[in-house]
């Protein structure tokens, strides 16, 4: 099989696998943890590192208490990391995407 055909087959397989496992979906955050999204959106839009630090503190407390899943934590931490690295525009966009992607749930 020519090299280009092998690469194409590999890329198609990878794309199908990614689609099958839901790659690209934004993490759902449980209702009790959704205020963290709002806090991150505010902190990133204002570009306030002290507010980011407060969000990080709240996230760590929720992790210590077992009130947040690893996947939720990872999604929120990604926004915090972007902001701390000075990537404010991307952090704000990520926080906004995360907020808009939340499904309404009962309760």
C-alpha atoms as a PDB file:
ATOM      1  CA  UNK A   1       0.000   0.000   0.000  1.00  0.00           C
ATOM      2  CA  UNK A   2       1.475   3.386  -0.946  1.00  0.00           C
ATOM      3  CA  UNK A   3       2.498   5.657   1.955  1.00  0.00           C
ATOM      4  CA  UNK A   4      -0.155   8.297   1.133  1.00  0.00           C
ATOM      5  CA  UNK A   5      -2.890   5.651   1.213  1.00  0.00           C
ATOM      6  CA  UNK A   6      -1.661   4.401   4.603  1.00  0.00           C
ATOM      7  CA  UNK A   7      -1.721   7.934   6.017  1.00  0.00           C
ATOM      8  CA  UNK A   8      -5.169   8.595   4.615  1.00  0.00           C
ATOM      9  CA  UNK A   9      -6.508   5.335   6.045  1.00  0.00           C
ATOM     10  CA  UNK A  10      -4.970   6.144   9.424  1.00  0.00           C
ATOM     11  CA  UNK A  11      -6.419   9.674   9.463  1.00  0.00           C
ATOM     12  CA  UNK A  12      -9.879   8.434   8.491  1.00  0.00           C
ATOM     13  CA  UNK A  13      -9.733   5.780  11.222  1.00  0.00           C
ATOM     14  CA  UNK A  14      -8.608   8.331  13.796  1.00  0.00           C
ATOM     15  CA  UNK A  15     -11.385  10.724  12.802  1.00  0.00           C
ATOM     16  CA  UNK A  16     -14.018   8.006  13.058  1.00  0.00           C
ATOM     17  CA  UNK A  17     -12.714   6.917  16.447  1.00  0.00           C
ATOM     18  CA  UNK A  18     -12.721  10.495  17.705  1.00  0.00           C
ATOM     19  CA  UNK A  19     -16.286  10.981  16.526  1.00  0.00           C
ATOM     20  CA  UNK A  20     -17.371   7.721  18.130  1.00  0.00           C
ATOM     21  CA  UNK A  21     -16.005   8.647  21.556  1.00  0.00           C
ATOM     22  CA  UNK A  22     -17.364  12.166  21.443  1.00  0.00           C
ATOM     23  CA  UNK A  23     -14.180  14.108  20.860  1.00  0.00           C
ATOM     24  CA  UNK A  24     -14.906  17.805  20.670  1.00  0.00           C
ATOM     25  CA  UNK A  25     -17.839  17.781  23.043  1.00  0.00           C
ATOM     26  CA  UNK A  26     -17.687  20.327  25.768  1.00  0.00           C
ATOM     27  CA  UNK A  27     -17.708  18.898  29.278  1.00  0.00           C
ATOM     28  CA  UNK A  28     -20.984  19.028  31.147  1.00  0.00           C
ATOM     29  CA  UNK A  29     -20.660  20.558  34.592  1.00  0.00           C
ATOM     30  CA  UNK A  30     -23.071  19.520  37.342  1.00  0.00           C
ATOM     31  CA  UNK A  31     -25.492  22.182  38.499  1.00  0.00           C
ATOM     32  CA  UNK A  32     -23.828  22.756  41.913  1.00  0.00           C
ATOM     33  CA  UNK A  33     -20.516  23.442  40.152  1.00  0.00           C
ATOM     34  CA  UNK A  34     -21.853  25.717  37.422  1.00  0.00           C
ATOM     35  CA  UNK A  35     -21.273  28.901  39.451  1.00  0.00           C
ATOM     36  CA  UNK A  36     -17.573  28.244  38.872  1.00  0.00           C
ATOM     37  CA  UNK A  37     -18.167  28.701  35.151  1.00  0.00           C
ATOM     38  CA  UNK A  38     -19.802  32.075  35.768  1.00  0.00           C
ATOM     39  CA  UNK A  39     -16.948  33.115  38.054  1.00  0.00           C
ATOM     40  CA  UNK A  40     -14.389  32.114  35.433  1.00  0.00           C
ATOM     41  CA  UNK A  41     -16.251  33.977  32.708  1.00  0.00           C
ATOM     42  CA  UNK A  42     -16.251  37.106  34.865  1.00  0.00           C
ATOM     43  CA  UNK A  43     -12.595  36.732  35.846  1.00  0.00           C
ATOM     44  CA  UNK A  44     -11.409  36.118  32.293  1.00  0.00           C
ATOM     45  CA  UNK A  45     -13.430  38.930  30.759  1.00  0.00           C
ATOM     46  CA  UNK A  46     -12.084  41.338  33.398  1.00  0.00           C
ATOM     47  CA  UNK A  47      -8.593  39.842  33.078  1.00  0.00           C
ATOM     48  CA  UNK A  48      -8.276  39.731  36.857  1.00  0.00           C
ATOM     49  CA  UNK A  49      -5.678  37.234  38.036  1.00  0.00           C
ATOM     50  CA  UNK A  50      -6.756  37.530  41.706  1.00  0.00           C
ATOM     51  CA  UNK A  51     -10.241  36.431  40.649  1.00  0.00           C
ATOM     52  CA  UNK A  52      -8.732  33.499  38.731  1.00  0.00           C
ATOM     53  CA  UNK A  53      -6.870  32.568  41.911  1.00  0.00           C
ATOM     54  CA  UNK A  54     -10.167  32.604  43.844  1.00  0.00           C
ATOM     55  CA  UNK A  55     -11.712  30.327  41.228  1.00  0.00           C
ATOM     56  CA  UNK A  56      -8.739  27.981  41.553  1.00  0.00           C
ATOM     57  CA  UNK A  57      -9.156  27.968  45.327  1.00  0.00           C
ATOM     58  CA  UNK A  58     -12.871  27.153  45.018  1.00  0.00           C
ATOM     59  CA  UNK A  59     -12.107  24.406  42.526  1.00  0.00           C
ATOM     60  CA  UNK A  60      -9.501  22.889  44.845  1.00  0.00           C
ATOM     61  CA  UNK A  61     -11.945  22.985  47.774  1.00  0.00           C
ATOM     62  CA  UNK A  62     -14.593  21.190  45.721  1.00  0.00           C
ATOM     63  CA  UNK A  63     -12.037  18.557  44.720  1.00  0.00           C
ATOM     64  CA  UNK A  64     -10.986  18.048  48.339  1.00  0.00           C
ATOM     65  CA  UNK A  65     -14.634  17.661  49.383  1.00  0.00           C
ATOM     66  CA  UNK A  66     -15.351  15.234  46.547  1.00  0.00           C
ATOM     67  CA  UNK A  67     -17.981  17.570  45.116  1.00  0.00           C
ATOM     68  CA  UNK A  68     -16.601  17.676  41.564  1.00  0.00           C
ATOM     69  CA  UNK A  69     -15.681  14.971  39.081  1.00  0.00           C
ATOM     70  CA  UNK A  70     -12.225  14.649  37.580  1.00  0.00           C
ATOM     71  CA  UNK A  71     -13.581  15.568  34.133  1.00  0.00           C
ATOM     72  CA  UNK A  72     -15.341  18.660  35.452  1.00  0.00           C
ATOM     73  CA  UNK A  73     -12.207  19.680  37.295  1.00  0.00           C
ATOM     74  CA  UNK A  74     -10.067  19.187  34.201  1.00  0.00           C
ATOM     75  CA  UNK A  75     -12.353  21.372  32.075  1.00  0.00           C
ATOM     76  CA  UNK A  76     -12.391  24.190  34.628  1.00  0.00           C
ATOM     77  CA  UNK A  77      -8.669  23.911  35.339  1.00  0.00           C
ATOM     78  CA  UNK A  78      -7.941  24.316  31.630  1.00  0.00           C
ATOM     79  CA  UNK A  79      -9.521  27.784  31.721  1.00  0.00           C
ATOM     80  CA  UNK A  80      -7.554  28.667  34.858  1.00  0.00           C
ATOM     81  CA  UNK A  81      -4.304  27.504  33.279  1.00  0.00           C
ATOM     82  CA  UNK A  82      -4.885  29.544  30.128  1.00  0.00           C
ATOM     83  CA  UNK A  83      -5.553  32.667  32.174  1.00  0.00           C
ATOM     84  CA  UNK A  84      -2.531  32.124  34.416  1.00  0.00           C
ATOM     85  CA  UNK A  85      -0.390  31.750  31.308  1.00  0.00           C
ATOM     86  CA  UNK A  86      -1.644  35.131  30.093  1.00  0.00           C
ATOM     87  CA  UNK A  87      -3.805  33.681  27.320  1.00  0.00           C
ATOM     88  CA  UNK A  88      -6.768  35.769  28.387  1.00  0.00           C
ATOM     89  CA  UNK A  89      -8.587  35.803  25.070  1.00  0.00           C
ATOM     90  CA  UNK A  90      -8.503  32.008  24.755  1.00  0.00           C
ATOM     91  CA  UNK A  91      -9.371  31.556  28.438  1.00  0.00           C
ATOM     92  CA  UNK A  92     -12.376  33.822  28.026  1.00  0.00           C
ATOM     93  CA  UNK A  93     -13.470  31.974  24.869  1.00  0.00           C
ATOM     94  CA  UNK A  94     -13.081  28.604  26.609  1.00  0.00           C
ATOM     95  CA  UNK A  95     -15.082  29.754  29.633  1.00  0.00           C
ATOM     96  CA  UNK A  96     -17.783  31.122  27.352  1.00  0.00           C
ATOM     97  CA  UNK A  97     -17.964  27.841  25.376  1.00  0.00           C
ATOM     98  CA  UNK A  98     -18.133  25.881  28.589  1.00  0.00           C
ATOM     99  CA  UNK A  99     -20.998  28.017  29.868  1.00  0.00           C
ATOM    100  CA  UNK A 100     -22.984  27.906  26.649  1.00  0.00           C
ATOM    101  CA  UNK A 101     -22.608  24.147  26.342  1.00  0.00           C
ATOM    102  CA  UNK A 102     -24.366  23.311  29.573  1.00  0.00           C
ATOM    103  CA  UNK A 103     -27.648  21.466  29.151  1.00  0.00           C
ATOM    104  CA  UNK A 104     -30.597  22.365  31.264  1.00  0.00           C
ATOM    105  CA  UNK A 105     -31.250  19.696  33.832  1.00  0.00           C
ATOM    106  CA  UNK A 106     -34.063  19.137  36.238  1.00  0.00           C
ATOM    107  CA  UNK A 107     -33.714  19.762  39.925  1.00  0.00           C
END
